[in-house]
C-alpha atoms as a PDB file:
ATOM      1  CA  MET A   1       0.161  -0.191  -0.249  1.00  0.00           C
ATOM      2  CA  ALA A   2       2.584   2.581   0.885  1.00  0.00           C
ATOM      3  CA  LYS A   3       4.504   1.158  -2.359  1.00  0.00           C
ATOM      4  CA  LEU A   4       1.433   2.510  -4.298  1.00  0.00           C
ATOM      5  CA  LYS A   5       1.207   6.201  -2.756  1.00  0.00           C
ATOM      6  CA  ASP A   6       4.989   6.330  -3.632  1.00  0.00           C
ATOM      7  CA  ASN A   7       4.654   5.318  -7.390  1.00  0.00           C
ATOM      8  CA  HIS A   8       0.736   7.721  -7.117  1.00  0.00           C
ATOM      9  CA  LYS A   9       3.290  10.875  -5.413  1.00  0.00           C
ATOM     10  CA  LEU A  10       5.853  10.076  -8.483  1.00  0.00           C
ATOM     11  CA  ILE A  11       3.594  10.606 -10.731  1.00  0.00           C
ATOM     12  CA  LEU A  12       2.139  13.297  -9.879  1.00  0.00           C
ATOM     13  CA  PHE A  13       5.799  14.804  -9.636  1.00  0.00           C
ATOM     14  CA  VAL A  14       6.707  13.870 -12.891  1.00  0.00           C
ATOM     15  CA  LEU A  15       3.364  15.401 -14.320  1.00  0.00           C
ATOM     16  CA  ALA A  16       3.645  18.580 -12.448  1.00  0.00           C
ATOM     17  CA  LEU A  17       7.413  18.544 -13.851  1.00  0.00           C
ATOM     18  CA  PHE A  18       6.385  18.097 -17.192  1.00  0.00           C
ATOM     19  CA  PRO A  19       5.435  21.731 -18.622  1.00  0.00           C
ATOM     20  CA  PHE A  20       8.611  23.123 -17.280  1.00  0.00           C
ATOM     21  CA  LEU A  21      10.681  20.629 -19.279  1.00  0.00           C
ATOM     22  CA  LEU A  22       8.394  21.404 -22.425  1.00  0.00           C
ATOM     23  CA  PHE A  23       8.879  24.773 -21.353  1.00  0.00           C
ATOM     24  CA  GLY A  24      12.694  24.365 -21.904  1.00  0.00           C
ATOM     25  CA  VAL A  25      12.823  22.305 -24.562  1.00  0.00           C
ATOM     26  CA  PHE A  26      10.345  24.837 -26.796  1.00  0.00           C
ATOM     27  CA  LYS A  27      13.029  28.156 -25.236  1.00  0.00           C
ATOM     28  CA  MET A  28      16.025  25.803 -27.043  1.00  0.00           C
ATOM     29  CA  VAL A  29      14.575  25.335 -30.559  1.00  0.00           C
ATOM     30  CA  PHE A  30      13.510  28.976 -30.627  1.00  0.00           C
ATOM     31  CA  ARG A  31      16.696  30.245 -29.760  1.00  0.00           C
ATOM     32  CA  ASP A  32      18.067  28.067 -32.249  1.00  0.00           C
ATOM     33  CA  ALA A  33      15.839  28.845 -34.685  1.00  0.00           C
ATOM     34  CA  GLN A  34      16.576  32.899 -33.833  1.00  0.00           C
ATOM     35  CA  ASN A  35      20.207  32.499 -34.472  1.00  0.00           C
ATOM     36  CA  ASP A  36      19.693  30.874 -37.718  1.00  0.00           C
ATOM     37  CA  LEU A  37      18.119  33.536 -39.312  1.00  0.00           C
ATOM     38  CA  ILE A  38      20.596  36.351 -38.028  1.00  0.00           C
ATOM     39  CA  SER A  39      18.346  37.910 -36.795  1.00  0.00           C
ATOM     40  CA  THR A  40      14.995  37.946 -33.629  1.00  0.00           C
ATOM     41  CA  PHE A  41      12.648  39.276 -36.605  1.00  0.00           C
ATOM     42  CA  SER A  42      10.787  36.637 -38.051  1.00  0.00           C
ATOM     43  CA  TYR A  43       7.913  37.133 -40.339  1.00  0.00           C
ATOM     44  CA  PRO A  44       6.110  34.412 -41.465  1.00  0.00           C
ATOM     45  CA  HIS A  45       3.493  37.313 -44.264  1.00  0.00           C
ATOM     46  CA  LYS A  46       6.618  37.124 -46.415  1.00  0.00           C
ATOM     47  CA  LYS A  47       9.141  34.719 -47.727  1.00  0.00           C
ATOM     48  CA  PHE A  48      11.614  35.044 -50.055  1.00  0.00           C
ATOM     49  CA  PRO A  49      12.096  35.685 -52.804  1.00  0.00           C
ATOM     50  CA  ILE A  50      10.899  39.373 -51.242  1.00  0.00           C
ATOM     51  CA  GLY A  51       9.315  41.309 -53.898  1.00  0.00           C
ATOM     52  CA  LEU A  52       7.153  44.251 -54.326  1.00  0.00           C
ATOM     53  CA  ASP A  53       3.580  43.552 -53.356  1.00  0.00           C
ATOM     54  CA  THR A  54       1.397  43.818 -56.093  1.00  0.00           C
ATOM     55  CA  THR A  55      -2.670  43.265 -56.886  1.00  0.00           C
ATOM     56  CA  ASP A  56      -3.817  41.525 -59.783  1.00  0.00           C
ATOM     57  CA  TYR A  57      -6.838  42.062 -61.667  1.00  0.00           C
ATOM     58  CA  SER A  58      -9.225  39.758 -59.513  1.00  0.00           C
ATOM     59  CA  GLY A  59      -8.055  41.740 -56.472  1.00  0.00           C
ATOM     60  CA  ASN A  60      -5.617  38.977 -55.295  1.00  0.00           C
ATOM     61  CA  LYS A  61      -1.892  39.697 -53.620  1.00  0.00           C
ATOM     62  CA  ILE A  62       0.490  38.462 -55.256  1.00  0.00           C
ATOM     63  CA  VAL A  63       4.388  38.947 -55.599  1.00  0.00           C
ATOM     64  CA  ASP A  64       6.284  40.916 -58.290  1.00  0.00           C
ATOM     65  CA  THR A  65       9.582  39.091 -57.986  1.00  0.00           C
ATOM     66  CA  LEU A  66      10.818  40.644 -61.099  1.00  0.00           C
ATOM     67  CA  TYR A  67      12.826  43.089 -59.367  1.00  0.00           C
ATOM     68  CA  HIS A  68      13.233  46.747 -59.994  1.00  0.00           C
ATOM     69  CA  LYS A  69      17.068  47.474 -60.644  1.00  0.00           C
ATOM     70  CA  ILE A  70      18.333  51.112 -59.557  1.00  0.00           C
ATOM     71  CA  PRO A  71      19.794  52.990 -62.064  1.00  0.00           C
ATOM     72  CA  ASP A  72      23.515  54.127 -62.057  1.00  0.00           C
ATOM     73  CA  PHE A  73      23.896  57.348 -60.122  1.00  0.00           C
ATOM     74  CA  LYS A  74      27.001  59.691 -59.530  1.00  0.00           C
ATOM     75  CA  PHE A  75      26.760  62.155 -56.408  1.00  0.00           C
ATOM     76  CA  GLN A  76      28.952  63.563 -53.727  1.00  0.00           C
ATOM     77  CA  ASN A  77      28.965  62.637 -50.112  1.00  0.00           C
ATOM     78  CA  GLN A  78      29.648  65.013 -47.013  1.00  0.00           C
ATOM     79  CA  PHE A  79      32.577  65.150 -47.435  1.00  0.00           C
ATOM     80  CA  GLY A  80      33.103  65.430 -51.219  1.00  0.00           C
ATOM     81  CA  GLN A  81      33.517  62.408 -52.476  1.00  0.00           C
ATOM     82  CA  TYR A  82      31.868  61.434 -55.645  1.00  0.00           C
ATOM     83  CA  ILE A  83      29.842  58.667 -54.487  1.00  0.00           C
ATOM     84  CA  SER A  84      28.301  55.953 -57.407  1.00  0.00           C
ATOM     85  CA  ASN A  85      26.649  52.475 -57.594  1.00  0.00           C
ATOM     86  CA  GLU A  86      30.490  51.406 -57.315  1.00  0.00           C
ATOM     87  CA  ALA A  87      30.243  51.979 -53.324  1.00  0.00           C
ATOM     88  CA  TYR A  88      27.890  50.034 -52.678  1.00  0.00           C
ATOM     89  CA  SER A  89      28.434  47.013 -55.185  1.00  0.00           C
ATOM     90  CA  ASN A  90      27.975  43.566 -53.432  1.00  0.00           C
ATOM     91  CA  LYS A  91      26.393  45.409 -50.182  1.00  0.00           C
ATOM     92  CA  ILE A  92      22.599  45.943 -49.242  1.00  0.00           C
ATOM     93  CA  TYR A  93      21.753  48.865 -48.871  1.00  0.00           C
ATOM     94  CA  ILE A  94      19.022  50.790 -47.129  1.00  0.00           C
ATOM     95  CA  ALA A  95      18.068  54.145 -49.177  1.00  0.00           C
ATOM     96  CA  ASP A  96      15.985  57.382 -48.462  1.00  0.00           C
ATOM     97  CA  PHE A  97      15.570  60.381 -49.493  1.00  0.00           C
ATOM     98  CA  PHE A  98      15.495  64.241 -47.232  1.00  0.00           C
ATOM     99  CA  PHE A  99      16.287  67.603 -46.668  1.00  0.00           C
ATOM    100  CA  THR A 100      18.392  68.831 -43.875  1.00  0.00           C
ATOM    101  CA  SER A 101      16.077  71.899 -43.309  1.00  0.00           C
ATOM    102  CA  CYS A 102      12.789  69.152 -43.090  1.00  0.00           C
ATOM    103  CA  PRO A 103      11.172  70.107 -39.883  1.00  0.00           C
ATOM    104  CA  VAL A 104       9.481  67.245 -38.889  1.00  0.00           C
ATOM    105  CA  GLN A 105       8.950  64.231 -41.145  1.00  0.00           C
ATOM    106  CA  CYS A 106      12.990  63.324 -41.479  1.00  0.00           C
ATOM    107  CA  PRO A 107      14.570  64.038 -38.362  1.00  0.00           C
ATOM    108  CA  LYS A 108      11.774  61.229 -37.518  1.00  0.00           C
ATOM    109  CA  MET A 109      13.466  59.483 -40.424  1.00  0.00           C
ATOM    110  CA  THR A 110      17.136  60.013 -40.312  1.00  0.00           C
ATOM    111  CA  LYS A 111      16.949  58.715 -36.423  1.00  0.00           C
ATOM    112  CA  GLN A 112      15.372  55.537 -37.287  1.00  0.00           C
ATOM    113  CA  MET A 113      18.207  55.594 -39.880  1.00  0.00           C
ATOM    114  CA  ARG A 114      21.124  55.996 -37.208  1.00  0.00           C
ATOM    115  CA  ASN A 115      18.954  52.715 -35.017  1.00  0.00           C
ATOM    116  CA  LEU A 116      19.702  50.633 -38.197  1.00  0.00           C
ATOM    117  CA  GLN A 117      23.473  51.993 -38.634  1.00  0.00           C
ATOM    118  CA  ASP A 118      24.143  51.091 -34.710  1.00  0.00           C
ATOM    119  CA  GLU A 119      22.592  48.197 -34.922  1.00  0.00           C
ATOM    120  CA  PHE A 120      24.898  46.942 -38.212  1.00  0.00           C
ATOM    121  CA  ILE A 121      27.822  49.015 -37.037  1.00  0.00           C
ATOM    122  CA  ARG A 122      29.931  46.158 -37.215  1.00  0.00           C
ATOM    123  CA  ASP A 123      28.373  44.139 -40.552  1.00  0.00           C
ATOM    124  CA  ASP A 124      30.157  45.461 -43.293  1.00  0.00           C
ATOM    125  CA  ARG A 125      28.178  43.542 -45.574  1.00  0.00           C
ATOM    126  CA  ILE A 126      24.702  46.542 -44.868  1.00  0.00           C
ATOM    127  CA  MET A 127      25.279  50.407 -45.671  1.00  0.00           C
ATOM    128  CA  PHE A 128      23.001  53.085 -45.810  1.00  0.00           C
ATOM    129  CA  ALA A 129      22.423  56.024 -48.676  1.00  0.00           C
ATOM    130  CA  SER A 130      20.157  59.490 -47.656  1.00  0.00           C
ATOM    131  CA  PHE A 131      19.464  60.860 -51.120  1.00  0.00           C
ATOM    132  CA  SER A 132      18.593  65.159 -50.657  1.00  0.00           C
ATOM    133  CA  ILE A 133      16.222  65.517 -52.125  1.00  0.00           C
ATOM    134  CA  ASP A 134      16.945  69.966 -51.842  1.00  0.00           C
ATOM    135  CA  PRO A 135      20.374  70.107 -53.209  1.00  0.00           C
ATOM    136  CA  ALA A 136      20.185  73.618 -54.018  1.00  0.00           C
ATOM    137  CA  ARG A 137      20.208  74.219 -50.366  1.00  0.00           C
ATOM    138  CA  ASP A 138      21.692  70.790 -49.083  1.00  0.00           C
ATOM    139  CA  SER A 139      25.059  71.951 -50.013  1.00  0.00           C
ATOM    140  CA  VAL A 140      28.383  69.573 -48.574  1.00  0.00           C
ATOM    141  CA  GLN A 141      29.391  71.531 -46.197  1.00  0.00           C
ATOM    142  CA  LYS A 142      25.920  71.526 -45.372  1.00  0.00           C
ATOM    143  CA  LEU A 143      25.305  67.882 -45.225  1.00  0.00           C
ATOM    144  CA  LYS A 144      28.366  67.331 -42.809  1.00  0.00           C
ATOM    145  CA  THR A 145      27.048  69.746 -40.395  1.00  0.00           C
ATOM    146  CA  TYR A 146      23.532  67.595 -40.439  1.00  0.00           C
ATOM    147  CA  ALA A 147      26.275  64.001 -40.376  1.00  0.00           C
ATOM    148  CA  ASP A 148      27.498  65.480 -37.408  1.00  0.00           C
ATOM    149  CA  GLU A 149      24.771  65.665 -35.832  1.00  0.00           C
ATOM    150  CA  TYR A 150      22.856  62.593 -36.347  1.00  0.00           C
ATOM    151  CA  GLY A 151      26.054  60.736 -35.935  1.00  0.00           C
ATOM    152  CA  VAL A 152      26.264  59.704 -39.283  1.00  0.00           C
ATOM    153  CA  ILE A 153      29.379  57.106 -39.360  1.00  0.00           C
ATOM    154  CA  PRO A 154      31.403  57.516 -42.641  1.00  0.00           C
ATOM    155  CA  GLY A 155      31.979  55.190 -45.409  1.00  0.00           C
ATOM    156  CA  LYS A 156      29.080  53.333 -43.774  1.00  0.00           C
ATOM    157  CA  TRP A 157      25.878  55.926 -44.375  1.00  0.00           C
ATOM    158  CA  ASN A 158      26.192  58.413 -47.269  1.00  0.00           C
ATOM    159  CA  LEU A 159      24.166  61.665 -47.663  1.00  0.00           C
ATOM    160  CA  LEU A 160      23.970  62.753 -51.111  1.00  0.00           C
ATOM    161  CA  THR A 161      23.619  65.569 -52.888  1.00  0.00           C
ATOM    162  CA  GLY A 162      24.153  66.820 -56.475  1.00  0.00           C
ATOM    163  CA  ASP A 163      21.869  67.915 -59.854  1.00  0.00           C
ATOM    164  CA  ARG A 164      18.151  68.590 -59.536  1.00  0.00           C
ATOM    165  CA  ASP A 165      17.273  66.517 -62.196  1.00  0.00           C
ATOM    166  CA  LYS A 166      19.249  63.865 -61.700  1.00  0.00           C
ATOM    167  CA  LEU A 167      18.340  63.247 -57.899  1.00  0.00           C
ATOM    168  CA  PHE A 168      14.950  63.644 -58.955  1.00  0.00           C
ATOM    169  CA  TYR A 169      15.086  61.026 -61.594  1.00  0.00           C
ATOM    170  CA  MET A 170      16.520  58.913 -58.761  1.00  0.00           C
ATOM    171  CA  ALA A 171      13.704  59.476 -56.350  1.00  0.00           C
ATOM    172  CA  ARG A 172      10.657  59.172 -59.381  1.00  0.00           C
ATOM    173  CA  LYS A 173      11.951  56.616 -61.415  1.00  0.00           C
ATOM    174  CA  GLY A 174      15.444  55.163 -59.528  1.00  0.00           C
ATOM    175  CA  PHE A 175      13.765  54.060 -56.472  1.00  0.00           C
ATOM    176  CA  LYS A 176      10.315  54.685 -57.307  1.00  0.00           C
ATOM    177  CA  LEU A 177       9.225  57.187 -54.900  1.00  0.00           C
ATOM    178  CA  SER A 178       7.283  60.149 -54.388  1.00  0.00           C
ATOM    179  CA  ALA A 179       9.308  63.643 -54.419  1.00  0.00           C
ATOM    180  CA  ALA A 180       7.624  66.998 -55.856  1.00  0.00           C
ATOM    181  CA  ASP A 181       9.734  70.188 -55.499  1.00  0.00           C
ATOM    182  CA  GLN A 182       9.071  74.408 -54.673  1.00  0.00           C
ATOM    183  CA  LYS A 183       6.609  75.840 -56.952  1.00  0.00           C
ATOM    184  CA  ASP A 184       5.830  79.237 -56.903  1.00  0.00           C
ATOM    185  CA  GLY A 185       4.617  81.146 -53.889  1.00  0.00           C
ATOM    186  CA  GLU A 186       4.909  77.552 -51.340  1.00  0.00           C
ATOM    187  CA  SER A 187       8.511  77.062 -49.494  1.00  0.00           C
ATOM    188  CA  GLU A 188       6.914  73.052 -48.625  1.00  0.00           C
ATOM    189  CA  ILE A 189       8.867  70.069 -50.537  1.00  0.00           C
ATOM    190  CA  ILE A 190       7.248  67.174 -50.916  1.00  0.00           C
ATOM    191  CA  HIS A 191       8.993  63.637 -50.158  1.00  0.00           C
ATOM    192  CA  SER A 192       8.089  59.979 -49.383  1.00  0.00           C
ATOM    193  CA  ASP A 193       8.597  58.752 -45.788  1.00  0.00           C
ATOM    194  CA  ARG A 194       9.868  55.405 -47.214  1.00  0.00           C
ATOM    195  CA  PHE A 195      13.067  53.687 -46.526  1.00  0.00           C
ATOM    196  CA  VAL A 196      14.482  50.829 -49.523  1.00  0.00           C
ATOM    197  CA  LEU A 197      15.431  48.061 -49.367  1.00  0.00           C
ATOM    198  CA  VAL A 198      18.481  47.156 -52.108  1.00  0.00           C
ATOM    199  CA  ASP A 199      19.953  43.875 -52.324  1.00  0.00           C
ATOM    200  CA  PRO A 200      23.914  42.959 -53.036  1.00  0.00           C
ATOM    201  CA  ASN A 201      22.560  43.184 -57.335  1.00  0.00           C
ATOM    202  CA  GLY A 202      21.554  46.460 -56.698  1.00  0.00           C
ATOM    203  CA  ASN A 203      17.339  44.964 -56.911  1.00  0.00           C
ATOM    204  CA  ILE A 204      14.499  46.778 -54.642  1.00  0.00           C
ATOM    205  CA  ARG A 205      13.176  44.280 -52.497  1.00  0.00           C
ATOM    206  CA  GLY A 206      10.804  46.562 -50.363  1.00  0.00           C
ATOM    207  CA  PHE A 207       9.811  49.977 -48.810  1.00  0.00           C
ATOM    208  CA  TYR A 208       9.004  50.413 -45.286  1.00  0.00           C
ATOM    209  CA  ILE A 209       7.589  53.620 -43.661  1.00  0.00           C
ATOM    210  CA  GLY A 210      10.654  55.280 -42.336  1.00  0.00           C
ATOM    211  CA  THR A 211       8.360  57.040 -39.450  1.00  0.00           C
ATOM    212  CA  ASP A 212       7.335  53.923 -37.834  1.00  0.00           C
ATOM    213  CA  GLU A 213       8.629  51.399 -35.393  1.00  0.00           C
ATOM    214  CA  ASP A 214       6.553  48.012 -36.250  1.00  0.00           C
ATOM    215  CA  ALA A 215       7.080  48.838 -40.058  1.00  0.00           C
ATOM    216  CA  VAL A 216      11.506  49.122 -39.501  1.00  0.00           C
ATOM    217  CA  LYS A 217      10.816  46.276 -37.341  1.00  0.00           C
ATOM    218  CA  HIS A 218       9.756  44.443 -40.803  1.00  0.00           C
ATOM    219  CA  LEU A 219      12.600  45.924 -42.715  1.00  0.00           C
ATOM    220  CA  LYS A 220      14.712  44.668 -39.901  1.00  0.00           C
ATOM    221  CA  GLY A 221      13.508  40.752 -40.827  1.00  0.00           C
ATOM    222  CA  ASP A 222      13.698  40.796 -44.434  1.00  0.00           C
ATOM    223  CA  LEU A 223      16.849  42.098 -44.118  1.00  0.00           C
ATOM    224  CA  ALA A 224      17.796  39.185 -42.102  1.00  0.00           C
ATOM    225  CA  LEU A 225      16.339  36.749 -44.296  1.00  0.00           C
ATOM    226  CA  LEU A 226      18.424  37.956 -47.248  1.00  0.00           C
ATOM    227  CA  LEU A 227      21.682  38.216 -45.374  1.00  0.00           C
ATOM    228  CA  THR A 228      20.837  34.157 -45.145  1.00  0.00           C
ATOM    229  CA  GLU A 229      19.889  34.215 -48.995  1.00  0.00           C
ATOM    230  CA  TYR A 230      23.121  35.468 -49.400  1.00  0.00           C
ATOM    231  CA  LYS A 231      25.090  33.981 -47.276  1.00  0.00           C
ATOM    232  CA  LYS A 232      23.731  30.268 -48.916  1.00  0.00           C
ATOM    233  CA  LYS A 233      25.175  31.863 -52.343  1.00  0.00           C
END
């Protein structure tokens, strides 16, 4: 009888311990999965290849895997150096368009970009590019002052300025972003709030709202997957 009671206690103890053992196994598996993805971000709503979300005539969402390639460009950075596509060859980079006198949207985007820069500071596969949409006022020196203010790391992140028409062409045709110049009697410059993720082949792989923290988290998740994709090649 005493032996039966002891067996009953043992069974109860094992049953009580089982959830903790199961949780420990789950944590180990989940941690390994995180390490395999390089980042803690994983988003099942997107599987590679990452493309541009489009909608067909029946209203179904599809993924367009015919990527848009960034055309050649050449602009001056905050040090007066000419930066072209070659500087980003075989690199993953995040790009946006801004101007230094922008009062609200640009500071938010620049802070988010700086956070990304700081997070991937030791990964030389990742770079950043910010194109000024106001080259008339954003001189090389102005960009240098702005770069110093926001902690832009030389060689990691270029702030670019140059010919006005070429910059607007890059915004609209190159990166597929909206951009509107100043009009008579108006001082506002309109530009997109999107970050653009570009792969090592110079193809656009995604657009993300640069002022939205959740969208930036999605960017980091897609970036982790993109790093994994190119690591396997």
